[in-house]
Amino acid sequence: MSGKLFNVGKVVNTHGIRGELKVVSQTDFPEERFGKGSRLVLTEPNDESRQLRVEVENARLHKNVYIVKFKGYDNINEVLPYKGWMLKVSEEDRKPLDEGEYYYHEIIGCRVVTDEGQELGTISDILAPGANHVWVVDRPKQKPVLLPVIDDVILDVNVEAKQVRVHLMEGLVD
């Protein structure tokens, strides 16, 4: 296995006695990531060198967590040691995105510049509170700016240059 690994979920508990795990999703593509046949990597959070490749046998959404069963793991005792581990996807197993869509790691760290040329700060986090995502822009010695990811605000995203050009609507900045 080569390349980077990207978080898609966290194992928070076991479910029943047949080897199922409760997973909190950390991906925009849970149906794909936890779909039958999906290849994932279980990683111990305190020692990322401890990894285990797994394949999803089946999964279902239950009370805002995914109940996931891996091929070859049919007993609670076989999956209990993985409680608290992270589920990741390898770079080669990621799906390509449509134009205008970005992975979180491509956006976080981008410099934000207004359409008037003023440097605003750096994107530090992405929130998903409802209808659209919100990018958190850290500014030196000032409150962060919360930018709604809508066409009226986000004018251009250049992930290669790690720069985002925005139009600041009235009321976005104190």
N, C-alpha and C. Protein backbone atom coordinates (compact mmCIF):
# COMPACT_ATOMS: atom_id res chain seq x y z
N MET A 1 0.86 -1.18 0.00
CA MET A 1 0.00 0.00 0.00
C MET A 1 0.90 1.23 0.00
N SER A 2 0.66 2.11 -0.95
CA SER A 2 1.49 3.31 -1.04
C SER A 2 0.60 4.54 -0.95
N GLY A 3 1.24 5.68 -0.76
CA GLY A 3 0.51 6.93 -0.76
C GLY A 3 -0.06 7.30 0.59
N LYS A 4 -0.72 8.45 0.58
CA LYS A 4 -1.31 8.98 1.80
C LYS A 4 -2.62 8.27 2.13
N LEU A 5 -2.98 8.36 3.41
CA LEU A 5 -4.26 7.85 3.88
C LEU A 5 -5.11 9.02 4.34
N PHE A 6 -6.43 8.92 4.11
CA PHE A 6 -7.35 9.99 4.47
C PHE A 6 -8.46 9.44 5.36
N ASN A 7 -8.76 10.16 6.46
CA ASN A 7 -9.79 9.72 7.40
C ASN A 7 -11.16 9.67 6.72
N VAL A 8 -11.89 8.57 7.01
CA VAL A 8 -13.28 8.48 6.55
C VAL A 8 -14.22 8.13 7.70
N GLY A 9 -13.66 7.73 8.85
CA GLY A 9 -14.51 7.40 9.98
C GLY A 9 -13.71 6.99 11.20
N LYS A 10 -14.42 6.87 12.31
CA LYS A 10 -13.80 6.43 13.56
C LYS A 10 -14.66 5.33 14.16
N VAL A 11 -14.01 4.22 14.55
CA VAL A 11 -14.70 3.11 15.20
C VAL A 11 -14.94 3.53 16.65
N VAL A 12 -16.22 3.63 17.04
CA VAL A 12 -16.53 4.09 18.39
C VAL A 12 -16.98 2.98 19.32
N ASN A 13 -17.42 1.84 18.75
CA ASN A 13 -17.88 0.75 19.61
C ASN A 13 -18.17 -0.48 18.75
N THR A 14 -18.47 -1.56 19.44
CA THR A 14 -18.94 -2.76 18.75
C THR A 14 -20.45 -2.71 18.70
N HIS A 15 -21.04 -3.58 17.89
CA HIS A 15 -22.50 -3.66 17.80
C HIS A 15 -22.87 -5.14 17.73
N GLY A 16 -23.50 -5.63 18.75
CA GLY A 16 -23.90 -7.04 18.77
C GLY A 16 -22.72 -7.96 18.95
N ILE A 17 -22.92 -9.23 18.62
CA ILE A 17 -21.87 -10.23 18.84
C ILE A 17 -21.33 -10.82 17.54
N ARG A 18 -21.81 -10.33 16.40
CA ARG A 18 -21.43 -10.93 15.11
C ARG A 18 -20.33 -10.18 14.38
N GLY A 19 -19.55 -9.38 15.08
CA GLY A 19 -18.40 -8.72 14.46
C GLY A 19 -18.70 -7.38 13.82
N GLU A 20 -19.83 -6.78 14.14
CA GLU A 20 -20.16 -5.47 13.58
C GLU A 20 -19.59 -4.36 14.46
N LEU A 21 -19.25 -3.24 13.82
CA LEU A 21 -18.68 -2.08 14.51
C LEU A 21 -19.53 -0.85 14.26
N LYS A 22 -19.61 0.02 15.28
CA LYS A 22 -20.26 1.32 15.10
C LYS A 22 -19.18 2.30 14.65
N VAL A 23 -19.46 2.99 13.53
CA VAL A 23 -18.50 3.91 12.95
C VAL A 23 -19.14 5.28 12.79
N VAL A 24 -18.47 6.31 13.31
CA VAL A 24 -18.88 7.69 13.09
C VAL A 24 -18.23 8.15 11.79
N SER A 25 -19.06 8.52 10.82
CA SER A 25 -18.57 8.92 9.51
C SER A 25 -17.85 10.25 9.57
N GLN A 26 -16.74 10.36 8.84
CA GLN A 26 -16.00 11.61 8.68
C GLN A 26 -15.75 11.86 7.20
N THR A 27 -16.73 11.52 6.38
CA THR A 27 -16.59 11.65 4.93
C THR A 27 -17.87 12.20 4.33
N ASP A 28 -17.72 12.85 3.18
CA ASP A 28 -18.89 13.32 2.44
C ASP A 28 -19.49 12.21 1.58
N PHE A 29 -18.82 11.04 1.54
CA PHE A 29 -19.26 9.94 0.70
C PHE A 29 -19.46 8.66 1.51
N PRO A 30 -20.29 8.69 2.55
CA PRO A 30 -20.42 7.49 3.39
C PRO A 30 -21.00 6.29 2.65
N GLU A 31 -21.92 6.52 1.71
CA GLU A 31 -22.51 5.40 0.98
C GLU A 31 -21.45 4.66 0.17
N GLU A 32 -20.49 5.42 -0.36
CA GLU A 32 -19.42 4.80 -1.13
C GLU A 32 -18.36 4.19 -0.21
N ARG A 33 -17.92 4.94 0.79
CA ARG A 33 -16.85 4.48 1.68
C ARG A 33 -17.24 3.23 2.47
N PHE A 34 -18.51 3.15 2.89
CA PHE A 34 -18.95 2.01 3.69
C PHE A 34 -19.79 1.05 2.88
N GLY A 35 -19.77 1.21 1.56
CA GLY A 35 -20.53 0.32 0.68
C GLY A 35 -19.85 -1.03 0.54
N LYS A 36 -20.63 -2.03 0.19
CA LYS A 36 -20.12 -3.39 0.03
C LYS A 36 -18.93 -3.41 -0.93
N GLY A 37 -17.85 -4.05 -0.50
CA GLY A 37 -16.66 -4.18 -1.33
C GLY A 37 -15.66 -3.05 -1.19
N SER A 38 -16.01 -2.00 -0.45
CA SER A 38 -15.11 -0.87 -0.26
C SER A 38 -13.88 -1.33 0.53
N ARG A 39 -12.70 -0.91 0.06
CA ARG A 39 -11.45 -1.26 0.73
C ARG A 39 -11.02 -0.09 1.61
N LEU A 40 -10.81 -0.38 2.89
CA LEU A 40 -10.43 0.63 3.87
C LEU A 40 -9.20 0.16 4.64
N VAL A 41 -8.63 1.08 5.41
CA VAL A 41 -7.48 0.76 6.24
C VAL A 41 -7.83 1.14 7.68
N LEU A 42 -7.79 0.16 8.57
CA LEU A 42 -7.95 0.42 10.00
C LEU A 42 -6.60 0.86 10.54
N THR A 43 -6.55 1.99 11.25
CA THR A 43 -5.29 2.54 11.75
C THR A 43 -5.41 2.84 13.24
N GLU A 44 -4.43 2.39 14.01
CA GLU A 44 -4.40 2.67 15.45
C GLU A 44 -4.04 4.14 15.62
N PRO A 45 -4.86 4.92 16.34
CA PRO A 45 -4.65 6.38 16.38
C PRO A 45 -3.33 6.81 17.03
N ASN A 46 -2.81 6.06 17.98
CA ASN A 46 -1.57 6.46 18.65
C ASN A 46 -0.32 5.90 17.98
N ASP A 47 -0.49 5.01 17.00
CA ASP A 47 0.64 4.39 16.31
C ASP A 47 0.20 4.07 14.89
N GLU A 48 0.33 5.05 13.99
CA GLU A 48 -0.18 4.89 12.63
C GLU A 48 0.55 3.81 11.84
N SER A 49 1.64 3.27 12.39
CA SER A 49 2.31 2.16 11.70
C SER A 49 1.51 0.86 11.87
N ARG A 50 0.63 0.83 12.86
CA ARG A 50 -0.25 -0.34 13.06
C ARG A 50 -1.47 -0.16 12.18
N GLN A 51 -1.48 -0.87 11.05
CA GLN A 51 -2.55 -0.75 10.07
C GLN A 51 -3.04 -2.12 9.66
N LEU A 52 -4.29 -2.16 9.26
CA LEU A 52 -4.90 -3.40 8.82
C LEU A 52 -5.83 -3.09 7.66
N ARG A 53 -5.60 -3.73 6.51
CA ARG A 53 -6.50 -3.56 5.36
C ARG A 53 -7.74 -4.40 5.58
N VAL A 54 -8.91 -3.81 5.34
CA VAL A 54 -10.18 -4.51 5.50
C VAL A 54 -11.07 -4.23 4.29
N GLU A 55 -12.04 -5.12 4.09
CA GLU A 55 -13.02 -4.92 3.03
C GLU A 55 -14.41 -4.97 3.65
N VAL A 56 -15.25 -4.01 3.29
CA VAL A 56 -16.60 -3.93 3.84
C VAL A 56 -17.46 -5.05 3.26
N GLU A 57 -18.06 -5.83 4.16
CA GLU A 57 -19.00 -6.87 3.74
C GLU A 57 -20.40 -6.28 3.60
N ASN A 58 -20.79 -5.46 4.58
CA ASN A 58 -22.04 -4.71 4.51
C ASN A 58 -22.04 -3.61 5.55
N ALA A 59 -22.94 -2.65 5.38
CA ALA A 59 -23.05 -1.53 6.32
C ALA A 59 -24.45 -0.95 6.21
N ARG A 60 -24.87 -0.32 7.29
CA ARG A 60 -26.17 0.35 7.29
C ARG A 60 -26.11 1.53 8.26
N LEU A 61 -26.91 2.54 7.99
CA LEU A 61 -27.00 3.70 8.86
C LEU A 61 -27.99 3.40 9.97
N HIS A 62 -27.59 3.68 11.21
CA HIS A 62 -28.44 3.42 12.37
C HIS A 62 -28.18 4.50 13.41
N LYS A 63 -29.17 5.37 13.65
CA LYS A 63 -29.06 6.44 14.65
C LYS A 63 -27.79 7.28 14.48
N ASN A 64 -27.57 7.77 13.28
CA ASN A 64 -26.45 8.66 12.94
C ASN A 64 -25.07 8.02 13.01
N VAL A 65 -24.97 6.72 13.13
CA VAL A 65 -23.69 6.02 13.01
C VAL A 65 -23.87 4.89 11.99
N TYR A 66 -22.79 4.48 11.42
CA TYR A 66 -22.84 3.36 10.48
C TYR A 66 -22.48 2.08 11.23
N ILE A 67 -23.26 1.06 11.02
CA ILE A 67 -22.97 -0.27 11.54
C ILE A 67 -22.26 -0.99 10.39
N VAL A 68 -20.98 -1.28 10.57
CA VAL A 68 -20.14 -1.81 9.50
C VAL A 68 -19.63 -3.20 9.87
N LYS A 69 -19.69 -4.10 8.90
CA LYS A 69 -19.16 -5.46 9.08
C LYS A 69 -18.11 -5.67 8.02
N PHE A 70 -16.93 -6.15 8.45
CA PHE A 70 -15.83 -6.43 7.53
C PHE A 70 -15.77 -7.91 7.19
N LYS A 71 -15.35 -8.22 5.97
CA LYS A 71 -15.19 -9.61 5.55
C LYS A 71 -14.16 -10.30 6.44
N GLY A 72 -14.51 -11.51 6.89
CA GLY A 72 -13.58 -12.31 7.68
C GLY A 72 -13.62 -12.04 9.17
N TYR A 73 -14.44 -11.11 9.60
CA TYR A 73 -14.58 -10.79 11.02
C TYR A 73 -16.02 -11.08 11.42
N ASP A 74 -16.22 -12.22 12.08
CA ASP A 74 -17.58 -12.69 12.35
C ASP A 74 -17.92 -12.78 13.83
N ASN A 75 -17.05 -12.25 14.68
CA ASN A 75 -17.23 -12.41 16.12
C ASN A 75 -16.82 -11.12 16.82
N ILE A 76 -17.53 -10.77 17.87
CA ILE A 76 -17.21 -9.55 18.63
C ILE A 76 -15.76 -9.56 19.13
N ASN A 77 -15.25 -10.73 19.50
CA ASN A 77 -13.89 -10.80 20.02
C ASN A 77 -12.83 -10.47 18.97
N GLU A 78 -13.16 -10.67 17.70
CA GLU A 78 -12.23 -10.35 16.62
C GLU A 78 -12.16 -8.85 16.32
N VAL A 79 -13.23 -8.12 16.62
CA VAL A 79 -13.25 -6.68 16.30
C VAL A 79 -13.08 -5.78 17.52
N LEU A 80 -13.25 -6.33 18.71
CA LEU A 80 -13.14 -5.53 19.94
C LEU A 80 -11.82 -4.75 20.04
N PRO A 81 -10.68 -5.32 19.64
CA PRO A 81 -9.42 -4.57 19.74
C PRO A 81 -9.38 -3.30 18.88
N TYR A 82 -10.28 -3.16 17.92
CA TYR A 82 -10.24 -2.03 16.99
C TYR A 82 -11.11 -0.85 17.43
N LYS A 83 -11.72 -0.97 18.59
CA LYS A 83 -12.51 0.13 19.15
C LYS A 83 -11.58 1.33 19.36
N GLY A 84 -11.97 2.48 18.82
CA GLY A 84 -11.15 3.69 18.93
C GLY A 84 -10.21 3.90 17.74
N TRP A 85 -10.10 2.92 16.87
CA TRP A 85 -9.22 3.05 15.71
C TRP A 85 -9.89 3.92 14.65
N MET A 86 -9.07 4.44 13.75
CA MET A 86 -9.55 5.27 12.64
C MET A 86 -9.72 4.42 11.39
N LEU A 87 -10.71 4.75 10.60
CA LEU A 87 -10.89 4.13 9.29
C LEU A 87 -10.41 5.13 8.25
N LYS A 88 -9.56 4.67 7.36
CA LYS A 88 -8.99 5.56 6.36
C LYS A 88 -9.12 4.92 4.98
N VAL A 89 -9.00 5.77 3.97
CA VAL A 89 -9.00 5.30 2.59
C VAL A 89 -7.66 5.72 1.99
N SER A 90 -7.09 4.84 1.18
CA SER A 90 -5.82 5.17 0.55
C SER A 90 -6.07 6.09 -0.64
N GLU A 91 -5.03 6.79 -1.01
CA GLU A 91 -5.14 7.76 -2.10
C GLU A 91 -5.62 7.08 -3.39
N GLU A 92 -5.13 5.87 -3.66
CA GLU A 92 -5.53 5.19 -4.89
C GLU A 92 -6.97 4.69 -4.86
N ASP A 93 -7.58 4.58 -3.66
CA ASP A 93 -8.97 4.11 -3.55
C ASP A 93 -9.98 5.26 -3.49
N ARG A 94 -9.49 6.51 -3.55
CA ARG A 94 -10.42 7.65 -3.56
C ARG A 94 -11.04 7.80 -4.93
N LYS A 95 -12.27 8.30 -4.94
CA LYS A 95 -12.92 8.52 -6.24
C LYS A 95 -12.59 9.93 -6.72
N PRO A 96 -12.48 10.10 -8.04
CA PRO A 96 -12.25 11.45 -8.56
C PRO A 96 -13.49 12.31 -8.35
N LEU A 97 -13.26 13.58 -8.10
CA LEU A 97 -14.38 14.49 -7.86
C LEU A 97 -14.75 15.23 -9.13
N ASP A 98 -15.97 15.72 -9.17
CA ASP A 98 -16.43 16.54 -10.29
C ASP A 98 -15.76 17.91 -10.22
N GLU A 99 -15.80 18.63 -11.32
CA GLU A 99 -15.24 19.98 -11.35
C GLU A 99 -15.96 20.86 -10.33
N GLY A 100 -15.20 21.63 -9.58
CA GLY A 100 -15.78 22.51 -8.57
C GLY A 100 -15.98 21.83 -7.22
N GLU A 101 -15.58 20.56 -7.10
CA GLU A 101 -15.64 19.85 -5.82
C GLU A 101 -14.21 19.60 -5.34
N TYR A 102 -14.03 19.63 -4.02
CA TYR A 102 -12.69 19.52 -3.46
C TYR A 102 -12.72 18.65 -2.22
N TYR A 103 -11.63 17.96 -1.98
CA TYR A 103 -11.47 17.24 -0.72
C TYR A 103 -11.07 18.25 0.36
N TYR A 104 -11.45 17.96 1.59
CA TYR A 104 -11.14 18.85 2.71
C TYR A 104 -9.66 19.22 2.75
N HIS A 105 -8.79 18.21 2.61
CA HIS A 105 -7.36 18.47 2.75
C HIS A 105 -6.84 19.40 1.65
N GLU A 106 -7.56 19.53 0.54
CA GLU A 106 -7.15 20.45 -0.52
C GLU A 106 -7.51 21.89 -0.17
N ILE A 107 -8.55 22.08 0.63
CA ILE A 107 -9.02 23.42 0.98
C ILE A 107 -8.34 23.96 2.24
N ILE A 108 -8.22 23.09 3.25
CA ILE A 108 -7.60 23.54 4.51
C ILE A 108 -6.15 23.91 4.23
N GLY A 109 -5.78 25.11 4.68
CA GLY A 109 -4.43 25.61 4.45
C GLY A 109 -4.35 26.60 3.30
N CYS A 110 -5.43 26.76 2.53
CA CYS A 110 -5.42 27.73 1.43
C CYS A 110 -5.46 29.15 1.97
N ARG A 111 -4.72 30.04 1.30
CA ARG A 111 -4.79 31.47 1.61
C ARG A 111 -6.06 32.02 0.98
N VAL A 112 -6.69 32.97 1.68
CA VAL A 112 -7.91 33.58 1.17
C VAL A 112 -7.62 35.05 0.84
N VAL A 113 -7.95 35.42 -0.40
CA VAL A 113 -7.74 36.78 -0.88
C VAL A 113 -9.07 37.31 -1.40
N THR A 114 -9.37 38.56 -1.07
CA THR A 114 -10.64 39.15 -1.52
C THR A 114 -10.51 39.55 -2.99
N ASP A 115 -11.65 39.83 -3.62
CA ASP A 115 -11.65 40.27 -5.02
C ASP A 115 -11.01 41.65 -5.18
N GLU A 116 -10.78 42.34 -4.05
CA GLU A 116 -10.10 43.64 -4.08
C GLU A 116 -8.61 43.51 -3.81
N GLY A 117 -8.12 42.25 -3.64
CA GLY A 117 -6.68 42.01 -3.47
C GLY A 117 -6.20 41.97 -2.03
N GLN A 118 -7.11 42.13 -1.07
CA GLN A 118 -6.72 42.11 0.35
C GLN A 118 -6.59 40.67 0.83
N GLU A 119 -5.46 40.36 1.49
CA GLU A 119 -5.28 39.02 2.04
C GLU A 119 -6.08 38.92 3.34
N LEU A 120 -6.95 37.93 3.42
CA LEU A 120 -7.86 37.79 4.55
C LEU A 120 -7.29 36.86 5.63
N GLY A 121 -6.70 35.74 5.24
CA GLY A 121 -6.18 34.77 6.20
C GLY A 121 -6.06 33.40 5.55
N THR A 122 -6.08 32.36 6.40
CA THR A 122 -5.90 30.98 5.94
C THR A 122 -7.07 30.11 6.41
N ILE A 123 -7.55 29.25 5.55
CA ILE A 123 -8.65 28.35 5.91
C ILE A 123 -8.13 27.29 6.88
N SER A 124 -8.77 27.21 8.05
CA SER A 124 -8.31 26.28 9.09
C SER A 124 -9.26 25.12 9.34
N ASP A 125 -10.52 25.29 8.93
CA ASP A 125 -11.51 24.25 9.22
C ASP A 125 -12.66 24.38 8.24
N ILE A 126 -13.42 23.28 8.13
CA ILE A 126 -14.62 23.27 7.29
C ILE A 126 -15.78 22.77 8.14
N LEU A 127 -16.85 23.54 8.19
CA LEU A 127 -18.03 23.18 8.96
C LEU A 127 -19.15 22.80 7.99
N ALA A 128 -20.02 21.91 8.45
CA ALA A 128 -21.17 21.51 7.62
C ALA A 128 -22.44 21.65 8.45
N PRO A 129 -22.85 22.90 8.72
CA PRO A 129 -23.99 23.12 9.60
C PRO A 129 -25.36 22.87 8.98
N GLY A 130 -25.46 22.90 7.67
CA GLY A 130 -26.79 22.75 7.06
C GLY A 130 -26.74 22.72 5.57
N ALA A 131 -27.36 23.71 4.94
CA ALA A 131 -27.54 23.72 3.49
C ALA A 131 -26.22 23.77 2.73
N ASN A 132 -25.24 24.47 3.26
CA ASN A 132 -23.95 24.56 2.58
C ASN A 132 -22.81 24.52 3.61
N HIS A 133 -21.62 24.19 3.12
CA HIS A 133 -20.45 24.18 3.99
C HIS A 133 -20.05 25.61 4.33
N VAL A 134 -19.27 25.73 5.40
CA VAL A 134 -18.74 27.02 5.82
C VAL A 134 -17.23 26.84 6.04
N TRP A 135 -16.43 27.70 5.40
CA TRP A 135 -14.99 27.64 5.59
C TRP A 135 -14.60 28.64 6.66
N VAL A 136 -13.82 28.17 7.64
CA VAL A 136 -13.35 29.01 8.73
C VAL A 136 -11.99 29.58 8.33
N VAL A 137 -11.91 30.91 8.28
CA VAL A 137 -10.68 31.60 7.88
C VAL A 137 -10.06 32.24 9.11
N ASP A 138 -8.88 31.75 9.48
CA ASP A 138 -8.15 32.35 10.61
C ASP A 138 -7.43 33.60 10.13
N ARG A 139 -7.60 34.67 10.94
CA ARG A 139 -6.94 35.94 10.64
C ARG A 139 -6.00 36.28 11.78
N PRO A 140 -4.83 36.82 11.48
CA PRO A 140 -3.89 37.18 12.55
C PRO A 140 -4.48 38.23 13.49
N LYS A 141 -4.50 37.91 14.78
CA LYS A 141 -4.91 38.83 15.85
C LYS A 141 -6.33 39.35 15.69
N GLN A 142 -7.20 38.60 14.98
CA GLN A 142 -8.59 38.98 14.81
C GLN A 142 -9.46 37.74 14.91
N LYS A 143 -10.77 37.98 15.01
CA LYS A 143 -11.71 36.86 15.02
C LYS A 143 -11.69 36.15 13.67
N PRO A 144 -11.93 34.82 13.68
CA PRO A 144 -12.03 34.12 12.39
C PRO A 144 -13.24 34.60 11.60
N VAL A 145 -13.14 34.47 10.28
CA VAL A 145 -14.24 34.80 9.38
C VAL A 145 -14.87 33.48 8.95
N LEU A 146 -16.21 33.43 8.95
CA LEU A 146 -16.93 32.26 8.50
C LEU A 146 -17.47 32.54 7.10
N LEU A 147 -16.91 31.84 6.12
CA LEU A 147 -17.32 32.06 4.73
C LEU A 147 -18.28 30.98 4.28
N PRO A 148 -19.51 31.35 3.90
CA PRO A 148 -20.41 30.33 3.35
C PRO A 148 -19.92 29.93 1.96
N VAL A 149 -19.94 28.65 1.68
CA VAL A 149 -19.47 28.16 0.38
C VAL A 149 -20.65 28.23 -0.60
N ILE A 150 -20.82 29.44 -1.13
CA ILE A 150 -21.86 29.71 -2.13
C ILE A 150 -21.22 30.50 -3.28
N ASP A 151 -21.82 30.44 -4.45
CA ASP A 151 -21.25 31.07 -5.63
C ASP A 151 -21.06 32.57 -5.48
N ASP A 152 -21.92 33.25 -4.71
CA ASP A 152 -21.80 34.70 -4.53
C ASP A 152 -20.56 35.07 -3.71
N VAL A 153 -20.04 34.15 -2.92
CA VAL A 153 -18.90 34.44 -2.03
C VAL A 153 -17.60 33.83 -2.59
N ILE A 154 -17.62 32.56 -2.92
CA ILE A 154 -16.41 31.87 -3.40
C ILE A 154 -16.31 32.08 -4.92
N LEU A 155 -15.34 32.90 -5.34
CA LEU A 155 -15.22 33.23 -6.75
C LEU A 155 -14.30 32.28 -7.50
N ASP A 156 -13.19 31.88 -6.87
CA ASP A 156 -12.22 31.02 -7.54
C ASP A 156 -11.44 30.22 -6.50
N VAL A 157 -11.23 28.93 -6.80
CA VAL A 157 -10.43 28.06 -5.94
C VAL A 157 -9.31 27.50 -6.79
N ASN A 158 -8.06 27.74 -6.35
CA ASN A 158 -6.89 27.21 -7.04
C ASN A 158 -6.14 26.34 -6.04
N VAL A 159 -6.41 25.02 -6.07
CA VAL A 159 -5.80 24.13 -5.07
C VAL A 159 -4.31 23.96 -5.31
N GLU A 160 -3.84 24.10 -6.57
CA GLU A 160 -2.41 23.99 -6.84
C GLU A 160 -1.65 25.15 -6.19
N ALA A 161 -2.19 26.35 -6.30
CA ALA A 161 -1.56 27.53 -5.70
C ALA A 161 -1.96 27.72 -4.23
N LYS A 162 -2.88 26.86 -3.74
CA LYS A 162 -3.39 26.96 -2.36
C LYS A 162 -3.94 28.36 -2.10
N GLN A 163 -4.79 28.84 -3.01
CA GLN A 163 -5.38 30.17 -2.87
C GLN A 163 -6.85 30.15 -3.27
N VAL A 164 -7.65 30.88 -2.49
CA VAL A 164 -9.08 31.03 -2.76
C VAL A 164 -9.38 32.52 -2.88
N ARG A 165 -10.07 32.90 -3.95
CA ARG A 165 -10.49 34.30 -4.15
C ARG A 165 -11.96 34.41 -3.79
N VAL A 166 -12.29 35.40 -2.96
CA VAL A 166 -13.65 35.54 -2.46
C VAL A 166 -14.17 36.96 -2.63
N HIS A 167 -15.49 37.06 -2.61
CA HIS A 167 -16.17 38.36 -2.55
C HIS A 167 -16.82 38.45 -1.18
N LEU A 168 -16.43 39.47 -0.41
CA LEU A 168 -16.99 39.63 0.95
C LEU A 168 -18.30 40.37 0.89
N MET A 169 -19.38 39.65 1.13
CA MET A 169 -20.71 40.26 1.19
C MET A 169 -20.80 41.06 2.49
N GLU A 170 -21.68 42.02 2.51
CA GLU A 170 -21.87 42.87 3.69
C GLU A 170 -22.22 42.00 4.90
N GLY A 171 -21.53 42.24 6.01
CA GLY A 171 -21.81 41.54 7.26
C GLY A 171 -20.96 40.30 7.51
N LEU A 172 -20.14 39.89 6.55
CA LEU A 172 -19.31 38.71 6.75
C LEU A 172 -18.10 38.97 7.65
N VAL A 173 -17.59 40.20 7.60
CA VAL A 173 -16.42 40.55 8.40
C VAL A 173 -16.81 41.67 9.36
N ASP A 174 -16.36 41.54 10.62
CA ASP A 174 -16.64 42.58 11.63
C ASP A 174 -15.94 43.87 11.29
